[in-house]
C-alpha cells in the first residue's frame, strides 16, 4: 500500500510538472470556441433579418425574450 501511495504521488507530481512546463495554448482553445459558435451566430444573423414564425405567429429565437414572455 505504501508503494501505491508513493507511485500515485509521483504520478501526480509528474503530471503537474508536465502541465507547468508544456501548458496548453489558450489561444488555440479560444479559436476552437469561435469556430464552434460560427454556425449558431450565422443562423441568428439570418433569423434577425427575417422574422421566424410558428403557425403564422411571430416567435423569438433569443432565450432572454422567451424568459420575458413567461413572466
PDB file of N, CA and C in Angstrom:
ATOM      1  N   UNK A   1       0.829  -1.183   0.000  1.00  0.00           N
ATOM      2  CA  UNK A   1       0.000   0.000   0.000  1.00  0.00           C
ATOM      3  C   UNK A   1       0.884   1.261   0.000  1.00  0.00           C
ATOM      4  N   UNK A   2       1.987   1.197   0.687  1.00  0.00           N
ATOM      5  CA  UNK A   2       2.906   2.324   0.704  1.00  0.00           C
ATOM      6  C   UNK A   2       3.479   2.566  -0.701  1.00  0.00           C
ATOM      7  N   UNK A   3       3.785   1.475  -1.398  1.00  0.00           N
ATOM      8  CA  UNK A   3       4.279   1.591  -2.773  1.00  0.00           C
ATOM      9  C   UNK A   3       3.244   2.282  -3.660  1.00  0.00           C
ATOM     10  N   UNK A   4       1.966   1.913  -3.511  1.00  0.00           N
ATOM     11  CA  UNK A   4       0.898   2.524  -4.304  1.00  0.00           C
ATOM     12  C   UNK A   4       0.780   4.017  -3.996  1.00  0.00           C
ATOM     13  N   UNK A   5       0.879   4.399  -2.730  1.00  0.00           N
ATOM     14  CA  UNK A   5       0.781   5.811  -2.346  1.00  0.00           C
ATOM     15  C   UNK A   5       1.942   6.609  -2.942  1.00  0.00           C
ATOM     16  N   UNK A   6       3.131   6.076  -2.867  1.00  0.00           N
ATOM     17  CA  UNK A   6       4.293   6.781  -3.423  1.00  0.00           C
ATOM     18  C   UNK A   6       4.183   6.877  -4.941  1.00  0.00           C
ATOM     19  N   UNK A   7       3.750   5.786  -5.574  1.00  0.00           N
ATOM     20  CA  UNK A   7       3.573   5.786  -7.030  1.00  0.00           C
ATOM     21  C   UNK A   7       2.537   6.820  -7.451  1.00  0.00           C
ATOM     22  N   UNK A   8       1.419   6.902  -6.721  1.00  0.00           N
ATOM     23  CA  UNK A   8       0.358   7.855  -7.053  1.00  0.00           C
ATOM     24  C   UNK A   8       0.831   9.291  -6.892  1.00  0.00           C
ATOM     25  N   UNK A   9       1.514   9.589  -5.802  1.00  0.00           N
ATOM     26  CA  UNK A   9       2.034  10.946  -5.591  1.00  0.00           C
ATOM     27  C   UNK A   9       3.060  11.310  -6.670  1.00  0.00           C
ATOM     28  N   UNK A  10       3.883  10.356  -7.037  1.00  0.00           N
ATOM     29  CA  UNK A  10       4.859  10.600  -8.101  1.00  0.00           C
ATOM     30  C   UNK A  10       4.191  10.863  -9.434  1.00  0.00           C
ATOM     31  N   UNK A  11       3.130  10.117  -9.698  1.00  0.00           N
ATOM     32  CA  UNK A  11       2.396  10.313 -10.950  1.00  0.00           C
ATOM     33  C   UNK A  11       1.812  11.723 -11.022  1.00  0.00           C
ATOM     34  N   UNK A  12       1.132  12.129  -9.931  1.00  0.00           N
ATOM     35  CA  UNK A  12       0.538  13.468  -9.920  1.00  0.00           C
ATOM     36  C   UNK A  12       1.602  14.557  -9.989  1.00  0.00           C
ATOM     37  N   UNK A  13       2.718  14.356  -9.327  1.00  0.00           N
ATOM     38  CA  UNK A  13       3.805  15.337  -9.410  1.00  0.00           C
ATOM     39  C   UNK A  13       4.306  15.445 -10.847  1.00  0.00           C
ATOM     40  N   UNK A  14       4.415  14.315 -11.531  1.00  0.00           N
ATOM     41  CA  UNK A  14       4.854  14.335 -12.926  1.00  0.00           C
ATOM     42  C   UNK A  14       3.862  15.017 -13.845  1.00  0.00           C
ATOM     43  N   UNK A  15       2.576  14.762 -13.630  1.00  0.00           N
ATOM     44  CA  UNK A  15       1.544  15.389 -14.467  1.00  0.00           C
ATOM     45  C   UNK A  15       1.545  16.897 -14.270  1.00  0.00           C
ATOM     46  N   UNK A  16       1.583  17.350 -13.021  1.00  0.00           N
ATOM     47  CA  UNK A  16       1.570  18.791 -12.764  1.00  0.00           C
ATOM     48  C   UNK A  16       2.843  19.466 -13.268  1.00  0.00           C
ATOM     49  N   UNK A  17       3.971  18.777 -13.175  1.00  0.00           N
ATOM     50  CA  UNK A  17       5.213  19.328 -13.704  1.00  0.00           C
ATOM     51  C   UNK A  17       5.134  19.459 -15.229  1.00  0.00           C
ATOM     52  N   UNK A  18       4.619  18.425 -15.880  1.00  0.00           N
ATOM     53  CA  UNK A  18       4.485  18.473 -17.340  1.00  0.00           C
ATOM     54  C   UNK A  18       3.527  19.575 -17.773  1.00  0.00           C
ATOM     55  N   UNK A  19       2.431  19.741 -17.039  1.00  0.00           N
ATOM     56  CA  UNK A  19       1.480  20.806 -17.392  1.00  0.00           C
ATOM     57  C   UNK A  19       2.069  22.193 -17.153  1.00  0.00           C
ATOM     58  N   UNK A  20       2.907  22.328 -16.152  1.00  0.00           N
ATOM     59  CA  UNK A  20       3.504  23.649 -15.908  1.00  0.00           C
ATOM     60  C   UNK A  20       4.552  23.977 -16.965  1.00  0.00           C
ATOM     61  N   UNK A  21       5.253  22.966 -17.449  1.00  0.00           N
ATOM     62  CA  UNK A  21       6.272  23.208 -18.481  1.00  0.00           C
ATOM     63  C   UNK A  21       5.624  23.363 -19.861  1.00  0.00           C
ATOM     64  N   UNK A  22       4.728  22.445 -20.197  1.00  0.00           N
ATOM     65  CA  UNK A  22       4.053  22.459 -21.504  1.00  0.00           C
ATOM     66  C   UNK A  22       2.587  22.826 -21.315  1.00  0.00           C
ATOM     67  N   UNK A  23       2.339  24.057 -20.917  1.00  0.00           N
ATOM     68  CA  UNK A  23       0.963  24.481 -20.663  1.00  0.00           C
ATOM     69  C   UNK A  23       0.167  24.544 -21.958  1.00  0.00           C
ATOM     70  N   UNK A  24      -1.148  24.249 -21.888  1.00  0.00           N
ATOM     71  CA  UNK A  24      -1.968  24.308 -23.098  1.00  0.00           C
ATOM     72  C   UNK A  24      -2.071  25.741 -23.628  1.00  0.00           C
ATOM     73  N   UNK A  25      -2.164  25.836 -24.919  1.00  0.00           N
ATOM     74  CA  UNK A  25      -2.260  27.151 -25.559  1.00  0.00           C
ATOM     75  C   UNK A  25      -3.682  27.683 -25.419  1.00  0.00           C
ATOM     76  N   UNK A  26      -3.843  28.780 -24.711  1.00  0.00           N
ATOM     77  CA  UNK A  26      -5.170  29.370 -24.500  1.00  0.00           C
ATOM     78  C   UNK A  26      -5.712  29.897 -25.817  1.00  0.00           C
ATOM     79  N   UNK A  27      -4.870  30.422 -26.636  1.00  0.00           N
ATOM     80  CA  UNK A  27      -5.290  30.984 -27.929  1.00  0.00           C
ATOM     81  C   UNK A  27      -5.959  29.907 -28.790  1.00  0.00           C
ATOM     82  N   UNK A  28      -5.406  28.706 -28.776  1.00  0.00           N
ATOM     83  CA  UNK A  28      -5.962  27.626 -29.576  1.00  0.00           C
ATOM     84  C   UNK A  28      -7.364  27.248 -29.086  1.00  0.00           C
ATOM     85  N   UNK A  29      -7.550  27.228 -27.793  1.00  0.00           N
ATOM     86  CA  UNK A  29      -8.862  26.906 -27.224  1.00  0.00           C
ATOM     87  C   UNK A  29      -9.875  27.986 -27.591  1.00  0.00           C
ATOM     88  N   UNK A  30      -9.468  29.248 -27.531  1.00  0.00           N
ATOM     89  CA  UNK A  30     -10.367  30.345 -27.911  1.00  0.00           C
ATOM     90  C   UNK A  30     -10.763  30.244 -29.379  1.00  0.00           C
ATOM     91  N   UNK A  31      -9.822  29.885 -30.244  1.00  0.00           N
ATOM     92  CA  UNK A  31     -10.133  29.745 -31.666  1.00  0.00           C
ATOM     93  C   UNK A  31     -11.119  28.600 -31.901  1.00  0.00           C
ATOM     94  N   UNK A  32     -10.986  27.517 -31.145  1.00  0.00           N
ATOM     95  CA  UNK A  32     -11.923  26.406 -31.273  1.00  0.00           C
ATOM     96  C   UNK A  32     -13.322  26.832 -30.838  1.00  0.00           C
ATOM     97  N   UNK A  33     -13.422  27.653 -29.784  1.00  0.00           N
ATOM     98  CA  UNK A  33     -14.727  28.137 -29.341  1.00  0.00           C
ATOM     99  C   UNK A  33     -15.366  29.027 -30.400  1.00  0.00           C
ATOM    100  N   UNK A  34     -14.568  29.883 -31.016  1.00  0.00           N
ATOM    101  CA  UNK A  34     -15.086  30.770 -32.069  1.00  0.00           C
ATOM    102  C   UNK A  34     -15.577  29.951 -33.252  1.00  0.00           C
ATOM    103  N   UNK A  35     -14.798  28.934 -33.647  1.00  0.00           N
ATOM    104  CA  UNK A  35     -15.199  28.075 -34.756  1.00  0.00           C
ATOM    105  C   UNK A  35     -16.486  27.317 -34.436  1.00  0.00           C
ATOM    106  N   UNK A  36     -16.653  26.911 -33.180  1.00  0.00           N
ATOM    107  CA  UNK A  36     -17.856  26.176 -32.796  1.00  0.00           C
ATOM    108  C   UNK A  36     -19.079  27.087 -32.794  1.00  0.00           C
ATOM    109  N   UNK A  37     -18.901  28.377 -32.508  1.00  0.00           N
ATOM    110  CA  UNK A  37     -20.032  29.307 -32.449  1.00  0.00           C
ATOM    111  C   UNK A  37     -20.426  29.874 -33.804  1.00  0.00           C
ATOM    112  N   UNK A  38     -19.580  29.758 -34.814  1.00  0.00           N
ATOM    113  CA  UNK A  38     -19.871  30.355 -36.123  1.00  0.00           C
ATOM    114  C   UNK A  38     -21.225  29.928 -36.691  1.00  0.00           C
ATOM    115  N   UNK A  39     -21.565  28.633 -36.750  1.00  0.00           N
ATOM    116  CA  UNK A  39     -22.865  28.262 -37.319  1.00  0.00           C
ATOM    117  C   UNK A  39     -24.052  28.845 -36.539  1.00  0.00           C
ATOM    118  N   UNK A  40     -23.927  28.888 -35.223  1.00  0.00           N
ATOM    119  CA  UNK A  40     -25.016  29.430 -34.402  1.00  0.00           C
ATOM    120  C   UNK A  40     -25.192  30.912 -34.676  1.00  0.00           C
ATOM    121  N   UNK A  41     -24.084  31.655 -34.749  1.00  0.00           N
ATOM    122  CA  UNK A  41     -24.172  33.090 -34.996  1.00  0.00           C
ATOM    123  C   UNK A  41     -24.690  33.384 -36.402  1.00  0.00           C
ATOM    124  N   UNK A  42     -24.326  32.556 -37.383  1.00  0.00           N
ATOM    125  CA  UNK A  42     -24.828  32.759 -38.749  1.00  0.00           C
ATOM    126  C   UNK A  42     -26.342  32.567 -38.796  1.00  0.00           C
ATOM    127  N   UNK A  43     -26.841  31.546 -38.129  1.00  0.00           N
ATOM    128  CA  UNK A  43     -28.287  31.302 -38.089  1.00  0.00           C
ATOM    129  C   UNK A  43     -28.992  32.449 -37.378  1.00  0.00           C
ATOM    130  N   UNK A  44     -28.408  32.911 -36.286  1.00  0.00           N
ATOM    131  CA  UNK A  44     -29.003  34.019 -35.527  1.00  0.00           C
ATOM    132  C   UNK A  44     -29.065  35.283 -36.387  1.00  0.00           C
ATOM    133  N   UNK A  45     -28.001  35.558 -37.147  1.00  0.00           N
ATOM    134  CA  UNK A  45     -27.985  36.740 -38.012  1.00  0.00           C
ATOM    135  C   UNK A  45     -29.000  36.610 -39.143  1.00  0.00           C
ATOM    136  N   UNK A  46     -29.121  35.403 -39.720  1.00  0.00           N
ATOM    137  CA  UNK A  46     -30.107  35.192 -40.780  1.00  0.00           C
ATOM    138  C   UNK A  46     -31.524  35.363 -40.249  1.00  0.00           C
ATOM    139  N   UNK A  47     -31.760  34.849 -39.060  1.00  0.00           N
ATOM    140  CA  UNK A  47     -33.095  34.949 -38.479  1.00  0.00           C
ATOM    141  C   UNK A  47     -33.413  36.379 -38.047  1.00  0.00           C
ATOM    142  N   UNK A  48     -32.371  37.170 -37.752  1.00  0.00           N
ATOM    143  CA  UNK A  48     -32.601  38.555 -37.387  1.00  0.00           C
ATOM    144  C   UNK A  48     -33.115  39.372 -38.557  1.00  0.00           C
ATOM    145  N   UNK A  49     -32.755  38.971 -39.777  1.00  0.00           N
ATOM    146  CA  UNK A  49     -33.183  39.701 -40.963  1.00  0.00           C
ATOM    147  C   UNK A  49     -34.620  39.377 -41.336  1.00  0.00           C
ATOM    148  N   UNK A  50     -35.051  38.155 -41.088  1.00  0.00           N
ATOM    149  CA  UNK A  50     -36.441  37.810 -41.363  1.00  0.00           C
ATOM    150  C   UNK A  50     -37.047  37.217 -40.094  1.00  0.00           C
ATOM    151  N   UNK A  51     -38.287  37.467 -39.897  1.00  0.00           N
ATOM    152  CA  UNK A  51     -38.958  37.029 -38.685  1.00  0.00           C
ATOM    153  C   UNK A  51     -39.275  35.541 -38.754  1.00  0.00           C
ATOM    154  N   UNK A  52     -38.995  34.840 -37.666  1.00  0.00           N
ATOM    155  CA  UNK A  52     -39.360  33.433 -37.565  1.00  0.00           C
ATOM    156  C   UNK A  52     -40.814  33.352 -37.118  1.00  0.00           C
ATOM    157  N   UNK A  53     -41.564  32.439 -37.699  1.00  0.00           N
ATOM    158  CA  UNK A  53     -42.967  32.313 -37.336  1.00  0.00           C
ATOM    159  C   UNK A  53     -43.303  30.866 -37.022  1.00  0.00           C
ATOM    160  N   UNK A  54     -44.331  30.717 -36.217  1.00  0.00           N
ATOM    161  CA  UNK A  54     -44.870  29.405 -35.910  1.00  0.00           C
ATOM    162  C   UNK A  54     -46.384  29.520 -36.000  1.00  0.00           C
ATOM    163  N   UNK A  55     -46.980  28.834 -36.947  1.00  0.00           N
ATOM    164  CA  UNK A  55     -48.419  28.905 -37.202  1.00  0.00           C
ATOM    165  C   UNK A  55     -48.864  30.334 -37.473  1.00  0.00           C
ATOM    166  N   UNK A  56     -48.025  31.095 -38.152  1.00  0.00           N
ATOM    167  CA  UNK A  56     -48.367  32.457 -38.519  1.00  0.00           C
ATOM    168  C   UNK A  56     -48.099  33.481 -37.433  1.00  0.00           C
ATOM    169  N   UNK A  57     -47.717  33.059 -36.245  1.00  0.00           N
ATOM    170  CA  UNK A  57     -47.427  33.985 -35.151  1.00  0.00           C
ATOM    171  C   UNK A  57     -45.916  34.163 -35.028  1.00  0.00           C
ATOM    172  N   UNK A  58     -45.457  35.396 -34.776  1.00  0.00           N
ATOM    173  CA  UNK A  58     -44.004  35.609 -34.664  1.00  0.00           C
ATOM    174  C   UNK A  58     -43.453  34.941 -33.404  1.00  0.00           C
ATOM    175  N   UNK A  59     -42.270  34.360 -33.537  1.00  0.00           N
ATOM    176  CA  UNK A  59     -41.602  33.772 -32.384  1.00  0.00           C
ATOM    177  C   UNK A  59     -40.204  34.351 -32.280  1.00  0.00           C
ATOM    178  N   UNK A  60     -39.624  34.249 -31.103  1.00  0.00           N
ATOM    179  CA  UNK A  60     -38.288  34.768 -30.877  1.00  0.00           C
ATOM    180  C   UNK A  60     -37.329  33.609 -30.658  1.00  0.00           C
ATOM    181  N   UNK A  61     -36.134  33.718 -31.240  1.00  0.00           N
ATOM    182  CA  UNK A  61     -35.111  32.702 -31.051  1.00  0.00           C
ATOM    183  C   UNK A  61     -34.111  33.107 -29.981  1.00  0.00           C
ATOM    184  N   UNK A  62     -34.332  34.260 -29.357  1.00  0.00           N
ATOM    185  CA  UNK A  62     -33.438  34.749 -28.317  1.00  0.00           C
ATOM    186  C   UNK A  62     -33.971  34.256 -26.973  1.00  0.00           C
ATOM    187  N   UNK A  63     -33.123  33.571 -26.212  1.00  0.00           N
ATOM    188  CA  UNK A  63     -33.582  32.940 -24.974  1.00  0.00           C
ATOM    189  C   UNK A  63     -34.075  33.948 -23.949  1.00  0.00           C
ATOM    190  N   UNK A  64     -33.512  35.154 -23.906  1.00  0.00           N
ATOM    191  CA  UNK A  64     -33.970  36.142 -22.915  1.00  0.00           C
ATOM    192  C   UNK A  64     -35.389  36.613 -23.240  1.00  0.00           C
ATOM    193  N   UNK A  65     -35.736  36.664 -24.511  1.00  0.00           N
ATOM    194  CA  UNK A  65     -37.099  37.043 -24.887  1.00  0.00           C
ATOM    195  C   UNK A  65     -38.091  35.985 -24.437  1.00  0.00           C
ATOM    196  N   UNK A  66     -37.667  34.729 -24.464  1.00  0.00           N
ATOM    197  CA  UNK A  66     -38.564  33.660 -24.010  1.00  0.00           C
ATOM    198  C   UNK A  66     -38.809  33.782 -22.522  1.00  0.00           C
ATOM    199  N   UNK A  67     -37.791  34.188 -21.763  1.00  0.00           N
ATOM    200  CA  UNK A  67     -37.971  34.350 -20.329  1.00  0.00           C
ATOM    201  C   UNK A  67     -38.906  35.517 -20.022  1.00  0.00           C
ATOM    202  N   UNK A  68     -38.823  36.586 -20.815  1.00  0.00           N
ATOM    203  CA  UNK A  68     -39.695  37.746 -20.608  1.00  0.00           C
ATOM    204  C   UNK A  68     -41.148  37.378 -20.897  1.00  0.00           C
ATOM    205  N   UNK A  69     -41.382  36.513 -21.863  1.00  0.00           N
ATOM    206  CA  UNK A  69     -42.737  36.155 -22.238  1.00  0.00           C
ATOM    207  C   UNK A  69     -43.432  35.328 -21.146  1.00  0.00           C
ATOM    208  N   UNK A  70     -42.628  34.554 -20.381  1.00  0.00           N
ATOM    209  CA  UNK A  70     -43.221  33.725 -19.334  1.00  0.00           C
ATOM    210  C   UNK A  70     -43.646  34.534 -18.128  1.00  0.00           C
ATOM    211  N   UNK A  71     -43.021  35.646 -17.858  1.00  0.00           N
ATOM    212  CA  UNK A  71     -43.336  36.402 -16.642  1.00  0.00           C
ATOM    213  C   UNK A  71     -44.496  37.351 -16.837  1.00  0.00           C
TER     214      UNK A  71
END
